[in-house]
């Protein structure tokens, strides 16, 4: 079975496709870095949509999601954006964890696995 990698660097690939499974690295905000949880989550989900499209799939085929937030008090704010975005009837298995992220401008990081 072949392995495809997209946006590959010396440390990691943003997207890895193995067979009919698509793995995304943790995604943090690009344009919305340093902004609030709502803006960061919207930015991240837009990036995820792009990565999934590149791999030939979409959010309706999500299998699992792991969400990292820096403050559990922002859980409802992040969930409001997530709930508006996620494909109704196709919600993935999901975990949300409070964690310190790689840089202080990031409040949210999301990692997903999807089927093709």
PDB file of N, CA and C in Angstrom:
ATOM      1  N   UNK A   1       0.841  -1.172   0.000  1.00  0.00           N
ATOM      2  CA  UNK A   1       0.000   0.000   0.000  1.00  0.00           C
ATOM      3  C   UNK A   1       0.890   1.241   0.000  1.00  0.00           C
ATOM      4  N   UNK A   2       0.558   2.192  -0.839  1.00  0.00           N
ATOM      5  CA  UNK A   2       1.399   3.381  -0.963  1.00  0.00           C
ATOM      6  C   UNK A   2       1.121   4.391   0.153  1.00  0.00           C
ATOM      7  N   UNK A   3       2.097   5.244   0.371  1.00  0.00           N
ATOM      8  CA  UNK A   3       1.985   6.343   1.326  1.00  0.00           C
ATOM      9  C   UNK A   3       2.230   7.632   0.557  1.00  0.00           C
ATOM     10  N   UNK A   4       1.313   8.581   0.688  1.00  0.00           N
ATOM     11  CA  UNK A   4       1.479   9.909   0.084  1.00  0.00           C
ATOM     12  C   UNK A   4       1.653  10.903   1.217  1.00  0.00           C
ATOM     13  N   UNK A   5       2.502  11.903   0.992  1.00  0.00           N
ATOM     14  CA  UNK A   5       2.733  12.945   1.990  1.00  0.00           C
ATOM     15  C   UNK A   5       2.586  14.303   1.315  1.00  0.00           C
ATOM     16  N   UNK A   6       1.943  15.228   2.009  1.00  0.00           N
ATOM     17  CA  UNK A   6       1.752  16.584   1.511  1.00  0.00           C
ATOM     18  C   UNK A   6       2.331  17.572   2.518  1.00  0.00           C
ATOM     19  N   UNK A   7       2.891  18.647   1.992  1.00  0.00           N
ATOM     20  CA  UNK A   7       3.509  19.679   2.830  1.00  0.00           C
ATOM     21  C   UNK A   7       4.494  19.046   3.807  1.00  0.00           C
ATOM     22  N   UNK A   8       5.452  18.344   3.207  1.00  0.00           N
ATOM     23  CA  UNK A   8       6.451  17.611   3.974  1.00  0.00           C
ATOM     24  C   UNK A   8       7.662  18.480   4.243  1.00  0.00           C
ATOM     25  N   UNK A   9       8.112  18.476   5.479  1.00  0.00           N
ATOM     26  CA  UNK A   9       9.304  19.212   5.878  1.00  0.00           C
ATOM     27  C   UNK A   9      10.278  18.268   6.547  1.00  0.00           C
ATOM     28  N   UNK A  10      11.350  18.795   7.101  1.00  0.00           N
ATOM     29  CA  UNK A  10      12.364  17.944   7.719  1.00  0.00           C
ATOM     30  C   UNK A  10      11.884  17.281   9.010  1.00  0.00           C
ATOM     31  N   UNK A  11      10.864  17.855   9.661  1.00  0.00           N
ATOM     32  CA  UNK A  11      10.383  17.324  10.929  1.00  0.00           C
ATOM     33  C   UNK A  11       9.100  16.523  10.796  1.00  0.00           C
ATOM     34  N   UNK A  12       8.214  16.942   9.878  1.00  0.00           N
ATOM     35  CA  UNK A  12       6.907  16.310   9.789  1.00  0.00           C
ATOM     36  C   UNK A  12       6.219  16.648   8.481  1.00  0.00           C
ATOM     37  N   UNK A  13       5.159  15.913   8.203  1.00  0.00           N
ATOM     38  CA  UNK A  13       4.282  16.205   7.071  1.00  0.00           C
ATOM     39  C   UNK A  13       2.962  16.697   7.636  1.00  0.00           C
ATOM     40  N   UNK A  14       2.333  17.649   6.969  1.00  0.00           N
ATOM     41  CA  UNK A  14       1.034  18.139   7.410  1.00  0.00           C
ATOM     42  C   UNK A  14      -0.067  17.119   7.145  1.00  0.00           C
ATOM     43  N   UNK A  15       0.085  16.366   6.050  1.00  0.00           N
ATOM     44  CA  UNK A  15      -0.926  15.382   5.654  1.00  0.00           C
ATOM     45  C   UNK A  15      -0.218  14.106   5.216  1.00  0.00           C
ATOM     46  N   UNK A  16      -0.684  12.967   5.718  1.00  0.00           N
ATOM     47  CA  UNK A  16      -0.170  11.667   5.292  1.00  0.00           C
ATOM     48  C   UNK A  16      -1.370  10.802   4.922  1.00  0.00           C
ATOM     49  N   UNK A  17      -1.308  10.208   3.729  1.00  0.00           N
ATOM     50  CA  UNK A  17      -2.375   9.327   3.257  1.00  0.00           C
ATOM     51  C   UNK A  17      -1.792   7.926   3.138  1.00  0.00           C
ATOM     52  N   UNK A  18      -2.420   6.978   3.810  1.00  0.00           N
ATOM     53  CA  UNK A  18      -2.022   5.575   3.735  1.00  0.00           C
ATOM     54  C   UNK A  18      -3.269   4.777   3.411  1.00  0.00           C
ATOM     55  N   UNK A  19      -3.294   4.195   2.232  1.00  0.00           N
ATOM     56  CA  UNK A  19      -4.493   3.474   1.809  1.00  0.00           C
ATOM     57  C   UNK A  19      -5.660   4.449   1.717  1.00  0.00           C
ATOM     58  N   UNK A  20      -6.726   4.153   2.431  1.00  0.00           N
ATOM     59  CA  UNK A  20      -7.905   5.012   2.426  1.00  0.00           C
ATOM     60  C   UNK A  20      -8.042   5.828   3.703  1.00  0.00           C
ATOM     61  N   UNK A  21      -6.922   6.020   4.405  1.00  0.00           N
ATOM     62  CA  UNK A  21      -6.945   6.799   5.648  1.00  0.00           C
ATOM     63  C   UNK A  21      -6.050   8.023   5.502  1.00  0.00           C
ATOM     64  N   UNK A  22      -6.572   9.160   5.962  1.00  0.00           N
ATOM     65  CA  UNK A  22      -5.867  10.441   5.878  1.00  0.00           C
ATOM     66  C   UNK A  22      -5.575  10.914   7.295  1.00  0.00           C
ATOM     67  N   UNK A  23      -4.314  11.184   7.578  1.00  0.00           N
ATOM     68  CA  UNK A  23      -3.876  11.649   8.887  1.00  0.00           C
ATOM     69  C   UNK A  23      -3.397  13.086   8.757  1.00  0.00           C
ATOM     70  N   UNK A  24      -3.903  13.974   9.581  1.00  0.00           N
ATOM     71  CA  UNK A  24      -3.436  15.354   9.598  1.00  0.00           C
ATOM     72  C   UNK A  24      -2.608  15.584  10.855  1.00  0.00           C
ATOM     73  N   UNK A  25      -1.526  16.335  10.693  1.00  0.00           N
ATOM     74  CA  UNK A  25      -0.754  16.786  11.849  1.00  0.00           C
ATOM     75  C   UNK A  25      -1.611  17.774  12.622  1.00  0.00           C
ATOM     76  N   UNK A  26      -1.219  18.101  13.819  1.00  0.00           N
ATOM     77  CA  UNK A  26      -1.934  19.118  14.581  1.00  0.00           C
ATOM     78  C   UNK A  26      -1.913  20.430  13.811  1.00  0.00           C
ATOM     79  N   UNK A  27      -3.080  21.066  13.692  1.00  0.00           N
ATOM     80  CA  UNK A  27      -3.212  22.313  12.944  1.00  0.00           C
ATOM     81  C   UNK A  27      -3.452  23.445  13.927  1.00  0.00           C
ATOM     82  N   UNK A  28      -2.662  24.500  13.810  1.00  0.00           N
ATOM     83  CA  UNK A  28      -2.855  25.714  14.598  1.00  0.00           C
ATOM     84  C   UNK A  28      -3.235  26.842  13.656  1.00  0.00           C
ATOM     85  N   UNK A  29      -3.703  27.934  14.232  1.00  0.00           N
ATOM     86  CA  UNK A  29      -4.136  29.076  13.440  1.00  0.00           C
ATOM     87  C   UNK A  29      -2.966  29.666  12.655  1.00  0.00           C
ATOM     88  N   UNK A  30      -3.263  30.096  11.441  1.00  0.00           N
ATOM     89  CA  UNK A  30      -2.280  30.809  10.630  1.00  0.00           C
ATOM     90  C   UNK A  30      -2.552  32.300  10.732  1.00  0.00           C
ATOM     91  N   UNK A  31      -3.555  32.745   9.997  1.00  0.00           N
ATOM     92  CA  UNK A  31      -3.931  34.161   9.975  1.00  0.00           C
ATOM     93  C   UNK A  31      -4.450  34.648  11.322  1.00  0.00           C
ATOM     94  N   UNK A  32      -5.058  33.765  12.103  1.00  0.00           N
ATOM     95  CA  UNK A  32      -5.680  34.167  13.364  1.00  0.00           C
ATOM     96  C   UNK A  32      -4.787  33.939  14.589  1.00  0.00           C
ATOM     97  N   UNK A  33      -3.528  33.614  14.380  1.00  0.00           N
ATOM     98  CA  UNK A  33      -2.618  33.433  15.517  1.00  0.00           C
ATOM     99  C   UNK A  33      -2.625  34.699  16.364  1.00  0.00           C
ATOM    100  N   UNK A  34      -2.736  34.523  17.672  1.00  0.00           N
ATOM    101  CA  UNK A  34      -2.757  35.659  18.578  1.00  0.00           C
ATOM    102  C   UNK A  34      -4.144  36.224  18.826  1.00  0.00           C
ATOM    103  N   UNK A  35      -5.123  35.759  18.076  1.00  0.00           N
ATOM    104  CA  UNK A  35      -6.505  36.219  18.256  1.00  0.00           C
ATOM    105  C   UNK A  35      -7.236  35.290  19.219  1.00  0.00           C
ATOM    106  N   UNK A  36      -8.533  35.488  19.380  1.00  0.00           N
ATOM    107  CA  UNK A  36      -9.321  34.698  20.316  1.00  0.00           C
ATOM    108  C   UNK A  36      -9.609  33.293  19.827  1.00  0.00           C
ATOM    109  N   UNK A  37     -10.194  32.510  20.710  1.00  0.00           N
ATOM    110  CA  UNK A  37     -10.490  31.100  20.432  1.00  0.00           C
ATOM    111  C   UNK A  37     -11.445  30.943  19.249  1.00  0.00           C
ATOM    112  N   UNK A  38     -12.453  31.798  19.161  1.00  0.00           N
ATOM    113  CA  UNK A  38     -13.397  31.699  18.041  1.00  0.00           C
ATOM    114  C   UNK A  38     -12.680  31.874  16.714  1.00  0.00           C
ATOM    115  N   UNK A  39     -11.898  32.937  16.588  1.00  0.00           N
ATOM    116  CA  UNK A  39     -11.182  33.207  15.341  1.00  0.00           C
ATOM    117  C   UNK A  39     -10.169  32.119  15.032  1.00  0.00           C
ATOM    118  N   UNK A  40      -9.442  31.666  16.049  1.00  0.00           N
ATOM    119  CA  UNK A  40      -8.450  30.613  15.816  1.00  0.00           C
ATOM    120  C   UNK A  40      -9.125  29.318  15.375  1.00  0.00           C
ATOM    121  N   UNK A  41     -10.217  28.956  16.016  1.00  0.00           N
ATOM    122  CA  UNK A  41     -10.902  27.718  15.642  1.00  0.00           C
ATOM    123  C   UNK A  41     -11.433  27.806  14.215  1.00  0.00           C
ATOM    124  N   UNK A  42     -12.008  28.937  13.845  1.00  0.00           N
ATOM    125  CA  UNK A  42     -12.497  29.117  12.464  1.00  0.00           C
ATOM    126  C   UNK A  42     -11.347  28.981  11.472  1.00  0.00           C
ATOM    127  N   UNK A  43     -10.220  29.600  11.759  1.00  0.00           N
ATOM    128  CA  UNK A  43      -9.051  29.538  10.889  1.00  0.00           C
ATOM    129  C   UNK A  43      -8.548  28.102  10.765  1.00  0.00           C
ATOM    130  N   UNK A  44      -8.441  27.417  11.888  1.00  0.00           N
ATOM    131  CA  UNK A  44      -7.953  26.033  11.890  1.00  0.00           C
ATOM    132  C   UNK A  44      -8.865  25.127  11.068  1.00  0.00           C
ATOM    133  N   UNK A  45     -10.173  25.261  11.254  1.00  0.00           N
ATOM    134  CA  UNK A  45     -11.103  24.398  10.525  1.00  0.00           C
ATOM    135  C   UNK A  45     -11.069  24.674   9.025  1.00  0.00           C
ATOM    136  N   UNK A  46     -10.816  25.909   8.651  1.00  0.00           N
ATOM    137  CA  UNK A  46     -10.645  26.246   7.237  1.00  0.00           C
ATOM    138  C   UNK A  46      -9.384  25.577   6.675  1.00  0.00           C
ATOM    139  N   UNK A  47      -8.323  25.600   7.441  1.00  0.00           N
ATOM    140  CA  UNK A  47      -7.079  24.933   7.028  1.00  0.00           C
ATOM    141  C   UNK A  47      -7.310  23.431   6.903  1.00  0.00           C
ATOM    142  N   UNK A  48      -8.020  22.852   7.870  1.00  0.00           N
ATOM    143  CA  UNK A  48      -8.328  21.420   7.821  1.00  0.00           C
ATOM    144  C   UNK A  48      -9.130  21.092   6.567  1.00  0.00           C
ATOM    145  N   UNK A  49     -10.127  21.913   6.242  1.00  0.00           N
ATOM    146  CA  UNK A  49     -10.895  21.691   5.006  1.00  0.00           C
ATOM    147  C   UNK A  49      -9.968  21.626   3.798  1.00  0.00           C
ATOM    148  N   UNK A  50      -9.000  22.532   3.732  1.00  0.00           N
ATOM    149  CA  UNK A  50      -8.048  22.550   2.620  1.00  0.00           C
ATOM    150  C   UNK A  50      -7.170  21.319   2.572  1.00  0.00           C
ATOM    151  N   UNK A  51      -6.671  20.898   3.727  1.00  0.00           N
ATOM    152  CA  UNK A  51      -5.832  19.694   3.787  1.00  0.00           C
ATOM    153  C   UNK A  51      -6.633  18.457   3.376  1.00  0.00           C
ATOM    154  N   UNK A  52      -7.854  18.345   3.857  1.00  0.00           N
ATOM    155  CA  UNK A  52      -8.669  17.184   3.502  1.00  0.00           C
ATOM    156  C   UNK A  52      -8.965  17.160   2.009  1.00  0.00           C
ATOM    157  N   UNK A  53      -9.268  18.316   1.436  1.00  0.00           N
ATOM    158  CA  UNK A  53      -9.529  18.387  -0.010  1.00  0.00           C
ATOM    159  C   UNK A  53      -8.299  17.956  -0.804  1.00  0.00           C
ATOM    160  N   UNK A  54      -7.129  18.398  -0.366  1.00  0.00           N
ATOM    161  CA  UNK A  54      -5.872  18.026  -1.019  1.00  0.00           C
ATOM    162  C   UNK A  54      -5.687  16.507  -1.032  1.00  0.00           C
ATOM    163  N   UNK A  55      -6.167  15.856   0.016  1.00  0.00           N
ATOM    164  CA  UNK A  55      -6.020  14.402   0.149  1.00  0.00           C
ATOM    165  C   UNK A  55      -7.193  13.649  -0.477  1.00  0.00           C
ATOM    166  N   UNK A  56      -8.162  14.375  -1.045  1.00  0.00           N
ATOM    167  CA  UNK A  56      -9.277  13.726  -1.724  1.00  0.00           C
ATOM    168  C   UNK A  56     -10.426  13.319  -0.822  1.00  0.00           C
ATOM    169  N   UNK A  57     -10.619  14.053   0.265  1.00  0.00           N
ATOM    170  CA  UNK A  57     -11.711  13.732   1.179  1.00  0.00           C
ATOM    171  C   UNK A  57     -12.294  15.023   1.742  1.00  0.00           C
ATOM    172  N   UNK A  58     -13.175  14.891   2.733  1.00  0.00           N
ATOM    173  CA  UNK A  58     -13.765  16.088   3.347  1.00  0.00           C
ATOM    174  C   UNK A  58     -14.226  15.763   4.768  1.00  0.00           C
ATOM    175  N   UNK A  59     -14.736  16.771   5.452  1.00  0.00           N
ATOM    176  CA  UNK A  59     -15.100  16.637   6.866  1.00  0.00           C
ATOM    177  C   UNK A  59     -16.221  15.628   7.125  1.00  0.00           C
ATOM    178  N   UNK A  60     -16.984  15.270   6.116  1.00  0.00           N
ATOM    179  CA  UNK A  60     -18.040  14.272   6.312  1.00  0.00           C
ATOM    180  C   UNK A  60     -17.466  12.875   6.536  1.00  0.00           C
ATOM    181  N   UNK A  61     -16.169  12.722   6.298  1.00  0.00           N
ATOM    182  CA  UNK A  61     -15.522  11.420   6.455  1.00  0.00           C
ATOM    183  C   UNK A  61     -14.542  11.384   7.628  1.00  0.00           C
ATOM    184  N   UNK A  62     -14.674  12.352   8.546  1.00  0.00           N
ATOM    185  CA  UNK A  62     -13.812  12.351   9.729  1.00  0.00           C
ATOM    186  C   UNK A  62     -14.044  11.099  10.555  1.00  0.00           C
ATOM    187  N   UNK A  63     -12.966  10.499  11.018  1.00  0.00           N
ATOM    188  CA  UNK A  63     -13.037   9.330  11.895  1.00  0.00           C
ATOM    189  C   UNK A  63     -12.798   9.723  13.340  1.00  0.00           C
ATOM    190  N   UNK A  64     -11.795  10.588  13.550  1.00  0.00           N
ATOM    191  CA  UNK A  64     -11.479  11.018  14.910  1.00  0.00           C
ATOM    192  C   UNK A  64     -10.896  12.421  14.899  1.00  0.00           C
ATOM    193  N   UNK A  65     -11.006  13.066  16.053  1.00  0.00           N
ATOM    194  CA  UNK A  65     -10.435  14.403  16.230  1.00  0.00           C
ATOM    195  C   UNK A  65      -9.898  14.518  17.645  1.00  0.00           C
ATOM    196  N   UNK A  66      -8.742  15.142  17.768  1.00  0.00           N
ATOM    197  CA  UNK A  66      -8.192  15.480  19.070  1.00  0.00           C
ATOM    198  C   UNK A  66      -8.005  16.987  19.077  1.00  0.00           C
ATOM    199  N   UNK A  67      -8.601  17.634  20.074  1.00  0.00           N
ATOM    200  CA  UNK A  67      -8.556  19.085  20.167  1.00  0.00           C
ATOM    201  C   UNK A  67      -7.815  19.461  21.439  1.00  0.00           C
ATOM    202  N   UNK A  68      -6.841  20.332  21.291  1.00  0.00           N
ATOM    203  CA  UNK A  68      -6.072  20.839  22.418  1.00  0.00           C
ATOM    204  C   UNK A  68      -6.429  22.310  22.597  1.00  0.00           C
ATOM    205  N   UNK A  69      -6.807  22.694  23.805  1.00  0.00           N
ATOM    206  CA  UNK A  69      -7.064  24.102  24.104  1.00  0.00           C
ATOM    207  C   UNK A  69      -6.261  24.487  25.345  1.00  0.00           C
ATOM    208  N   UNK A  70      -5.846  25.736  25.395  1.00  0.00           N
ATOM    209  CA  UNK A  70      -4.983  26.167  26.500  1.00  0.00           C
ATOM    210  C   UNK A  70      -5.749  26.460  27.780  1.00  0.00           C
ATOM    211  N   UNK A  71      -7.063  26.651  27.667  1.00  0.00           N
ATOM    212  CA  UNK A  71      -7.870  26.955  28.848  1.00  0.00           C
ATOM    213  C   UNK A  71      -9.248  26.322  28.689  1.00  0.00           C
ATOM    214  N   UNK A  72      -9.577  25.383  29.547  1.00  0.00           N
ATOM    215  CA  UNK A  72     -10.844  24.671  29.442  1.00  0.00           C
ATOM    216  C   UNK A  72     -12.037  25.617  29.595  1.00  0.00           C
ATOM    217  N   UNK A  73     -11.831  26.806  30.118  1.00  0.00           N
ATOM    218  CA  UNK A  73     -12.913  27.787  30.205  1.00  0.00           C
ATOM    219  C   UNK A  73     -13.391  28.215  28.812  1.00  0.00           C
ATOM    220  N   UNK A  74     -12.549  28.023  27.794  1.00  0.00           N
ATOM    221  CA  UNK A  74     -12.912  28.399  26.418  1.00  0.00           C
ATOM    222  C   UNK A  74     -13.556  27.248  25.653  1.00  0.00           C
ATOM    223  N   UNK A  75     -13.781  26.127  26.326  1.00  0.00           N
ATOM    224  CA  UNK A  75     -14.383  24.946  25.708  1.00  0.00           C
ATOM    225  C   UNK A  75     -15.712  25.266  25.017  1.00  0.00           C
ATOM    226  N   UNK A  76     -16.647  25.983  25.665  1.00  0.00           N
ATOM    227  CA  UNK A  76     -17.920  26.303  24.987  1.00  0.00           C
ATOM    228  C   UNK A  76     -17.730  27.182  23.746  1.00  0.00           C
ATOM    229  N   UNK A  77     -16.784  28.103  23.799  1.00  0.00           N
ATOM    230  CA  UNK A  77     -16.510  28.984  22.663  1.00  0.00           C
ATOM    231  C   UNK A  77     -15.983  28.191  21.469  1.00  0.00           C
ATOM    232  N   UNK A  78     -15.029  27.293  21.742  1.00  0.00           N
ATOM    233  CA  UNK A  78     -14.488  26.439  20.677  1.00  0.00           C
ATOM    234  C   UNK A  78     -15.585  25.521  20.137  1.00  0.00           C
ATOM    235  N   UNK A  79     -16.388  24.947  21.035  1.00  0.00           N
ATOM    236  CA  UNK A  79     -17.454  24.033  20.617  1.00  0.00           C
ATOM    237  C   UNK A  79     -18.484  24.713  19.726  1.00  0.00           C
ATOM    238  N   UNK A  80     -18.783  25.978  19.965  1.00  0.00           N
ATOM    239  CA  UNK A  80     -19.759  26.697  19.134  1.00  0.00           C
ATOM    240  C   UNK A  80     -19.296  26.728  17.685  1.00  0.00           C
ATOM    241  N   UNK A  81     -18.011  26.963  17.473  1.00  0.00           N
ATOM    242  CA  UNK A  81     -17.455  26.990  16.108  1.00  0.00           C
ATOM    243  C   UNK A  81     -17.418  25.573  15.541  1.00  0.00           C
ATOM    244  N   UNK A  82     -16.945  24.628  16.329  1.00  0.00           N
ATOM    245  CA  UNK A  82     -16.880  23.223  15.900  1.00  0.00           C
ATOM    246  C   UNK A  82     -18.261  22.720  15.484  1.00  0.00           C
ATOM    247  N   UNK A  83     -19.272  22.962  16.336  1.00  0.00           N
ATOM    248  CA  UNK A  83     -20.622  22.455  16.080  1.00  0.00           C
ATOM    249  C   UNK A  83     -21.212  23.029  14.794  1.00  0.00           C
ATOM    250  N   UNK A  84     -20.889  24.270  14.474  1.00  0.00           N
ATOM    251  CA  UNK A  84     -21.374  24.892  13.237  1.00  0.00           C
ATOM    252  C   UNK A  84     -20.657  24.323  12.007  1.00  0.00           C
ATOM    253  N   UNK A  85     -19.454  23.821  12.193  1.00  0.00           N
ATOM    254  CA  UNK A  85     -18.622  23.336  11.084  1.00  0.00           C
ATOM    255  C   UNK A  85     -18.796  21.842  10.807  1.00  0.00           C
ATOM    256  N   UNK A  86     -18.840  21.035  11.847  1.00  0.00           N
ATOM    257  CA  UNK A  86     -18.804  19.585  11.683  1.00  0.00           C
ATOM    258  C   UNK A  86     -20.018  19.105  10.873  1.00  0.00           C
ATOM    259  N   UNK A  87     -19.831  18.048  10.099  1.00  0.00           N
ATOM    260  CA  UNK A  87     -20.885  17.511   9.244  1.00  0.00           C
ATOM    261  C   UNK A  87     -21.935  16.781  10.082  1.00  0.00           C
ATOM    262  N   UNK A  88     -23.159  17.308  10.082  1.00  0.00           N
ATOM    263  CA  UNK A  88     -24.242  16.713  10.864  1.00  0.00           C
ATOM    264  C   UNK A  88     -24.440  15.250  10.488  1.00  0.00           C
ATOM    265  N   UNK A  89     -24.555  14.407  11.489  1.00  0.00           N
ATOM    266  CA  UNK A  89     -24.739  12.976  11.256  1.00  0.00           C
ATOM    267  C   UNK A  89     -23.453  12.232  10.970  1.00  0.00           C
ATOM    268  N   UNK A  90     -22.343  12.963  10.839  1.00  0.00           N
ATOM    269  CA  UNK A  90     -21.041  12.348  10.530  1.00  0.00           C
ATOM    270  C   UNK A  90     -19.978  12.768  11.534  1.00  0.00           C
ATOM    271  N   UNK A  91     -20.393  13.007  12.777  1.00  0.00           N
ATOM    272  CA  UNK A  91     -19.438  13.484  13.773  1.00  0.00           C
ATOM    273  C   UNK A  91     -18.424  12.389  14.122  1.00  0.00           C
ATOM    274  N   UNK A  92     -17.162  12.779  14.284  1.00  0.00           N
ATOM    275  CA  UNK A  92     -16.114  11.802  14.579  1.00  0.00           C
ATOM    276  C   UNK A  92     -16.049  11.474  16.066  1.00  0.00           C
ATOM    277  N   UNK A  93     -15.321  10.427  16.393  1.00  0.00           N
ATOM    278  CA  UNK A  93     -14.912  10.208  17.779  1.00  0.00           C
ATOM    279  C   UNK A  93     -14.007  11.394  18.122  1.00  0.00           C
ATOM    280  N   UNK A  94     -14.110  11.907  19.356  1.00  0.00           N
ATOM    281  CA  UNK A  94     -13.388  13.142  19.649  1.00  0.00           C
ATOM    282  C   UNK A  94     -12.951  13.199  21.101  1.00  0.00           C
ATOM    283  N   UNK A  95     -11.798  13.815  21.318  1.00  0.00           N
ATOM    284  CA  UNK A  95     -11.316  14.120  22.662  1.00  0.00           C
ATOM    285  C   UNK A  95     -10.875  15.578  22.673  1.00  0.00           C
ATOM    286  N   UNK A  96     -11.091  16.242  23.797  1.00  0.00           N
ATOM    287  CA  UNK A  96     -10.613  17.609  23.973  1.00  0.00           C
ATOM    288  C   UNK A  96      -9.788  17.638  25.249  1.00  0.00           C
ATOM    289  N   UNK A  97      -8.588  18.217  25.140  1.00  0.00           N
ATOM    290  CA  UNK A  97      -7.634  18.211  26.235  1.00  0.00           C
ATOM    291  C   UNK A  97      -7.138  19.626  26.483  1.00  0.00           C
ATOM    292  N   UNK A  98      -7.003  20.003  27.744  1.00  0.00           N
ATOM    293  CA  UNK A  98      -6.359  21.269  28.071  1.00  0.00           C
ATOM    294  C   UNK A  98      -4.851  21.025  28.088  1.00  0.00           C
ATOM    295  N   UNK A  99      -4.124  21.859  27.348  1.00  0.00           N
ATOM    296  CA  UNK A  99      -2.682  21.660  27.234  1.00  0.00           C
ATOM    297  C   UNK A  99      -1.976  22.976  26.934  1.00  0.00           C
ATOM    298  N   UNK A 100      -0.730  23.053  27.312  1.00  0.00           N
ATOM    299  CA  UNK A 100       0.117  24.171  26.915  1.00  0.00           C
ATOM    300  C   UNK A 100       0.577  23.870  25.490  1.00  0.00           C
ATOM    301  N   UNK A 101       0.404  24.840  24.583  1.00  0.00           N
ATOM    302  CA  UNK A 101       0.759  24.614  23.182  1.00  0.00           C
ATOM    303  C   UNK A 101       2.163  25.137  22.887  1.00  0.00           C
ATOM    304  N   UNK A 102       2.627  24.938  21.670  1.00  0.00           N
ATOM    305  CA  UNK A 102       4.019  25.203  21.295  1.00  0.00           C
ATOM    306  C   UNK A 102       4.429  26.669  21.405  1.00  0.00           C
ATOM    307  N   UNK A 103       3.481  27.588  21.248  1.00  0.00           N
ATOM    308  CA  UNK A 103       3.810  29.022  21.318  1.00  0.00           C
ATOM    309  C   UNK A 103       2.639  29.763  21.953  1.00  0.00           C
ATOM    310  N   UNK A 104       2.913  30.857  22.637  1.00  0.00           N
ATOM    311  CA  UNK A 104       1.851  31.545  23.377  1.00  0.00           C
ATOM    312  C   UNK A 104       0.747  32.162  22.512  1.00  0.00           C
ATOM    313  N   UNK A 105       0.977  32.370  21.228  1.00  0.00           N
ATOM    314  CA  UNK A 105      -0.062  32.946  20.365  1.00  0.00           C
ATOM    315  C   UNK A 105      -1.124  31.932  19.950  1.00  0.00           C
ATOM    316  N   UNK A 106      -0.924  30.657  20.304  1.00  0.00           N
ATOM    317  CA  UNK A 106      -1.881  29.623  19.953  1.00  0.00           C
ATOM    318  C   UNK A 106      -2.737  29.243  21.164  1.00  0.00           C
ATOM    319  N   UNK A 107      -4.053  29.251  20.966  1.00  0.00           N
ATOM    320  CA  UNK A 107      -4.996  28.842  22.007  1.00  0.00           C
ATOM    321  C   UNK A 107      -5.668  27.516  21.686  1.00  0.00           C
ATOM    322  N   UNK A 108      -5.590  27.097  20.425  1.00  0.00           N
ATOM    323  CA  UNK A 108      -6.274  25.888  19.961  1.00  0.00           C
ATOM    324  C   UNK A 108      -5.367  25.152  18.972  1.00  0.00           C
ATOM    325  N   UNK A 109      -5.380  23.838  19.036  1.00  0.00           N
ATOM    326  CA  UNK A 109      -4.724  22.988  18.034  1.00  0.00           C
ATOM    327  C   UNK A 109      -5.644  21.800  17.814  1.00  0.00           C
ATOM    328  N   UNK A 110      -5.852  21.450  16.536  1.00  0.00           N
ATOM    329  CA  UNK A 110      -6.763  20.343  16.215  1.00  0.00           C
ATOM    330  C   UNK A 110      -6.064  19.363  15.275  1.00  0.00           C
ATOM    331  N   UNK A 111      -6.214  18.090  15.596  1.00  0.00           N
ATOM    332  CA  UNK A 111      -5.634  17.016  14.792  1.00  0.00           C
ATOM    333  C   UNK A 111      -6.757  16.056  14.427  1.00  0.00           C
ATOM    334  N   UNK A 112      -6.867  15.690  13.150  1.00  0.00           N
ATOM    335  CA  UNK A 112      -7.946  14.796  12.716  1.00  0.00           C
ATOM    336  C   UNK A 112      -7.413  13.639  11.868  1.00  0.00           C
ATOM    337  N   UNK A 113      -8.220  12.589  11.841  1.00  0.00           N
ATOM    338  CA  UNK A 113      -8.012  11.443  10.955  1.00  0.00           C
ATOM    339  C   UNK A 113      -9.313  11.265  10.189  1.00  0.00           C
ATOM    340  N   UNK A 114      -9.192  11.015   8.884  1.00  0.00           N
ATOM    341  CA  UNK A 114     -10.380  10.858   8.047  1.00  0.00           C
ATOM    342  C   UNK A 114     -10.222   9.684   7.093  1.00  0.00           C
ATOM    343  N   UNK A 115     -11.342   9.175   6.637  1.00  0.00           N
ATOM    344  CA  UNK A 115     -11.347   8.161   5.581  1.00  0.00           C
ATOM    345  C   UNK A 115     -11.387   8.897   4.242  1.00  0.00           C
ATOM    346  N   UNK A 116     -10.991   8.201   3.185  1.00  0.00           N
ATOM    347  CA  UNK A 116     -11.085   8.796   1.836  1.00  0.00           C
ATOM    348  C   UNK A 116     -12.449   8.533   1.261  1.00  0.00           C
TER     349      UNK A 116
END
